[in-house]
Amino acid sequence: MQPAEAADSYFPKGATASAFAHNTSSTETPLSASSLSLDYPLSPLDREYAKPEEELDIAEQLAKQPTYWSVKGWVQRSVSASDRPPTEDAETRARKFEEAKKDLLASFGRF
């Protein structure tokens, strides 16, 4: 038995696009207006918010410490994290390496 189309053919002979389309009983699309209102909340710009009970003091708000996840808080943490101890001069480093070398050689001699 031989296939009707060539082995390298992606689409069968005589097939139409309507034959591959799904038959649905509803004419409503998944993103219609009625389904959007049920499945998705309003965007923040479309919501109605209650008016603040008291007047906001802008200077007081700006004087507060930034929250952990704010950009200003991230900048402050990154600046403080980059504080490194002062580097040693070459003579001090060489002296420490010589001391460590002597300790290693002394411990090797004990074995």
C-alpha atoms as a PDB file:
ATOM      1  CA  MET A   1       0.000   0.000   0.000  1.00  0.00           C
ATOM      2  CA  GLN A   2       1.458   3.390  -1.068  1.00  0.00           C
ATOM      3  CA  PRO A   3       0.688   6.773   0.577  1.00  0.00           C
ATOM      4  CA  ALA A   4      -1.283   9.198  -1.589  1.00  0.00           C
ATOM      5  CA  GLU A   5       1.268  12.004  -1.188  1.00  0.00           C
ATOM      6  CA  ALA A   6       5.038  12.043  -1.312  1.00  0.00           C
ATOM      7  CA  ALA A   7       6.885  11.194   1.896  1.00  0.00           C
ATOM      8  CA  ASP A   8       8.345  14.705   2.105  1.00  0.00           C
ATOM      9  CA  SER A   9       4.940  16.401   1.726  1.00  0.00           C
ATOM     10  CA  TYR A  10       3.720  18.300   4.767  1.00  0.00           C
ATOM     11  CA  PHE A  11       0.110  18.724   3.644  1.00  0.00           C
ATOM     12  CA  PRO A  12      -2.078  15.945   2.202  1.00  0.00           C
ATOM     13  CA  LYS A  13      -3.366  16.323  -1.376  1.00  0.00           C
ATOM     14  CA  GLY A  14      -6.710  18.031  -1.743  1.00  0.00           C
ATOM     15  CA  ALA A  15      -6.829  19.317   1.840  1.00  0.00           C
ATOM     16  CA  THR A  16      -8.266  22.769   2.490  1.00  0.00           C
ATOM     17  CA  ALA A  17      -7.768  25.157   5.395  1.00  0.00           C
ATOM     18  CA  SER A  18     -11.388  24.692   6.489  1.00  0.00           C
ATOM     19  CA  ALA A  19     -10.794  20.971   6.947  1.00  0.00           C
ATOM     20  CA  PHE A  20      -8.164  21.706   9.614  1.00  0.00           C
ATOM     21  CA  ALA A  21     -10.140  24.419  11.417  1.00  0.00           C
ATOM     22  CA  HIS A  22     -11.695  23.542  14.765  1.00  0.00           C
ATOM     23  CA  ASN A  23     -15.457  23.457  14.877  1.00  0.00           C
ATOM     24  CA  THR A  24     -16.682  25.287  17.956  1.00  0.00           C
ATOM     25  CA  SER A  25     -20.260  25.661  19.030  1.00  0.00           C
ATOM     26  CA  SER A  26     -19.697  29.171  20.401  1.00  0.00           C
ATOM     27  CA  THR A  27     -18.982  32.164  18.181  1.00  0.00           C
ATOM     28  CA  GLU A  28     -17.371  34.017  21.102  1.00  0.00           C
ATOM     29  CA  THR A  29     -13.615  34.414  20.920  1.00  0.00           C
ATOM     30  CA  PRO A  30     -11.471  33.761  24.009  1.00  0.00           C
ATOM     31  CA  LEU A  31     -10.603  37.467  24.334  1.00  0.00           C
ATOM     32  CA  SER A  32     -14.028  38.992  23.864  1.00  0.00           C
ATOM     33  CA  ALA A  33     -15.163  41.872  26.045  1.00  0.00           C
ATOM     34  CA  SER A  34     -17.414  39.765  28.260  1.00  0.00           C
ATOM     35  CA  SER A  35     -14.692  37.242  29.109  1.00  0.00           C
ATOM     36  CA  LEU A  36     -12.135  39.990  29.783  1.00  0.00           C
ATOM     37  CA  SER A  37     -14.300  41.542  32.453  1.00  0.00           C
ATOM     38  CA  LEU A  38     -14.668  38.203  34.234  1.00  0.00           C
ATOM     39  CA  ASP A  39     -11.107  36.891  33.975  1.00  0.00           C
ATOM     40  CA  TYR A  40      -8.930  39.997  34.287  1.00  0.00           C
ATOM     41  CA  PRO A  41      -9.065  42.762  36.910  1.00  0.00           C
ATOM     42  CA  LEU A  42      -9.134  46.409  35.931  1.00  0.00           C
ATOM     43  CA  SER A  43      -5.825  48.047  35.186  1.00  0.00           C
ATOM     44  CA  PRO A  44      -4.503  50.398  37.910  1.00  0.00           C
ATOM     45  CA  LEU A  45      -5.320  53.411  35.738  1.00  0.00           C
ATOM     46  CA  ASP A  46      -8.940  52.317  35.294  1.00  0.00           C
ATOM     47  CA  ARG A  47      -9.622  51.700  38.996  1.00  0.00           C
ATOM     48  CA  GLU A  48     -11.238  54.254  41.259  1.00  0.00           C
ATOM     49  CA  TYR A  49      -9.368  55.066  44.464  1.00  0.00           C
ATOM     50  CA  ALA A  50     -10.601  56.720  47.641  1.00  0.00           C
ATOM     51  CA  LYS A  51      -9.366  60.247  48.251  1.00  0.00           C
ATOM     52  CA  PRO A  52      -6.768  60.458  51.085  1.00  0.00           C
ATOM     53  CA  GLU A  53      -8.235  61.543  54.409  1.00  0.00           C
ATOM     54  CA  GLU A  54      -5.462  64.027  55.135  1.00  0.00           C
ATOM     55  CA  GLU A  55      -3.192  66.131  52.964  1.00  0.00           C
ATOM     56  CA  LEU A  56       0.124  64.506  52.095  1.00  0.00           C
ATOM     57  CA  ASP A  57       3.326  66.255  53.158  1.00  0.00           C
ATOM     58  CA  ILE A  58       5.721  65.831  50.229  1.00  0.00           C
ATOM     59  CA  ALA A  59       8.820  66.850  52.246  1.00  0.00           C
ATOM     60  CA  GLU A  60       7.998  64.272  54.929  1.00  0.00           C
ATOM     61  CA  GLN A  61       7.517  61.547  52.315  1.00  0.00           C
ATOM     62  CA  LEU A  62      10.834  62.378  50.665  1.00  0.00           C
ATOM     63  CA  ALA A  63      12.641  62.356  54.028  1.00  0.00           C
ATOM     64  CA  LYS A  64      11.627  58.743  54.712  1.00  0.00           C
ATOM     65  CA  GLN A  65      14.143  55.935  54.238  1.00  0.00           C
ATOM     66  CA  PRO A  66      13.698  54.223  50.871  1.00  0.00           C
ATOM     67  CA  THR A  67      12.088  50.825  50.853  1.00  0.00           C
ATOM     68  CA  TYR A  68      14.211  47.749  50.236  1.00  0.00           C
ATOM     69  CA  TRP A  69      12.948  47.134  46.698  1.00  0.00           C
ATOM     70  CA  SER A  70      13.066  50.743  45.479  1.00  0.00           C
ATOM     71  CA  VAL A  71      15.728  51.991  43.091  1.00  0.00           C
ATOM     72  CA  LYS A  72      17.069  54.404  45.693  1.00  0.00           C
ATOM     73  CA  GLY A  73      17.330  51.583  48.244  1.00  0.00           C
ATOM     74  CA  TRP A  74      19.196  49.428  45.718  1.00  0.00           C
ATOM     75  CA  VAL A  75      21.655  52.258  44.997  1.00  0.00           C
ATOM     76  CA  GLN A  76      22.298  52.791  48.713  1.00  0.00           C
ATOM     77  CA  ARG A  77      22.896  49.057  49.271  1.00  0.00           C
ATOM     78  CA  SER A  78      25.218  48.756  46.298  1.00  0.00           C
ATOM     79  CA  VAL A  79      27.299  51.747  47.429  1.00  0.00           C
ATOM     80  CA  SER A  80      27.668  50.371  50.938  1.00  0.00           C
ATOM     81  CA  ALA A  81      28.475  46.881  49.630  1.00  0.00           C
ATOM     82  CA  SER A  82      31.319  48.184  47.505  1.00  0.00           C
ATOM     83  CA  ASP A  83      33.217  49.510  50.541  1.00  0.00           C
ATOM     84  CA  ARG A  84      36.400  47.468  50.588  1.00  0.00           C
ATOM     85  CA  PRO A  85      39.129  47.454  53.163  1.00  0.00           C
ATOM     86  CA  PRO A  86      42.220  49.425  52.122  1.00  0.00           C
ATOM     87  CA  THR A  87      44.723  47.408  50.135  1.00  0.00           C
ATOM     88  CA  GLU A  88      48.051  46.542  51.688  1.00  0.00           C
ATOM     89  CA  ASP A  89      51.330  47.771  50.318  1.00  0.00           C
ATOM     90  CA  ALA A  90      53.651  45.354  48.521  1.00  0.00           C
ATOM     91  CA  GLU A  91      56.114  45.036  51.437  1.00  0.00           C
ATOM     92  CA  THR A  92      53.411  43.985  53.911  1.00  0.00           C
ATOM     93  CA  ARG A  93      52.023  41.417  51.478  1.00  0.00           C
ATOM     94  CA  ALA A  94      55.509  39.990  50.816  1.00  0.00           C
ATOM     95  CA  ARG A  95      56.191  39.709  54.554  1.00  0.00           C
ATOM     96  CA  LYS A  96      52.880  37.878  55.151  1.00  0.00           C
ATOM     97  CA  PHE A  97      53.574  35.483  52.282  1.00  0.00           C
ATOM     98  CA  GLU A  98      57.058  34.737  53.678  1.00  0.00           C
ATOM     99  CA  GLU A  99      55.576  34.017  57.121  1.00  0.00           C
ATOM    100  CA  ALA A 100      52.968  31.693  55.610  1.00  0.00           C
ATOM    101  CA  LYS A 101      55.691  29.975  53.569  1.00  0.00           C
ATOM    102  CA  LYS A 102      57.813  29.409  56.700  1.00  0.00           C
ATOM    103  CA  ASP A 103      54.783  27.982  58.549  1.00  0.00           C
ATOM    104  CA  LEU A 104      54.021  25.607  55.679  1.00  0.00           C
ATOM    105  CA  LEU A 105      57.622  24.443  55.401  1.00  0.00           C
ATOM    106  CA  ALA A 106      57.817  23.959  59.174  1.00  0.00           C
ATOM    107  CA  SER A 107      54.618  21.891  59.191  1.00  0.00           C
ATOM    108  CA  PHE A 108      55.906  19.834  56.231  1.00  0.00           C
ATOM    109  CA  GLY A 109      59.128  19.129  58.111  1.00  0.00           C
ATOM    110  CA  ARG A 110      57.170  17.683  61.053  1.00  0.00           C
ATOM    111  CA  PHE A 111      55.631  14.938  58.942  1.00  0.00           C
END
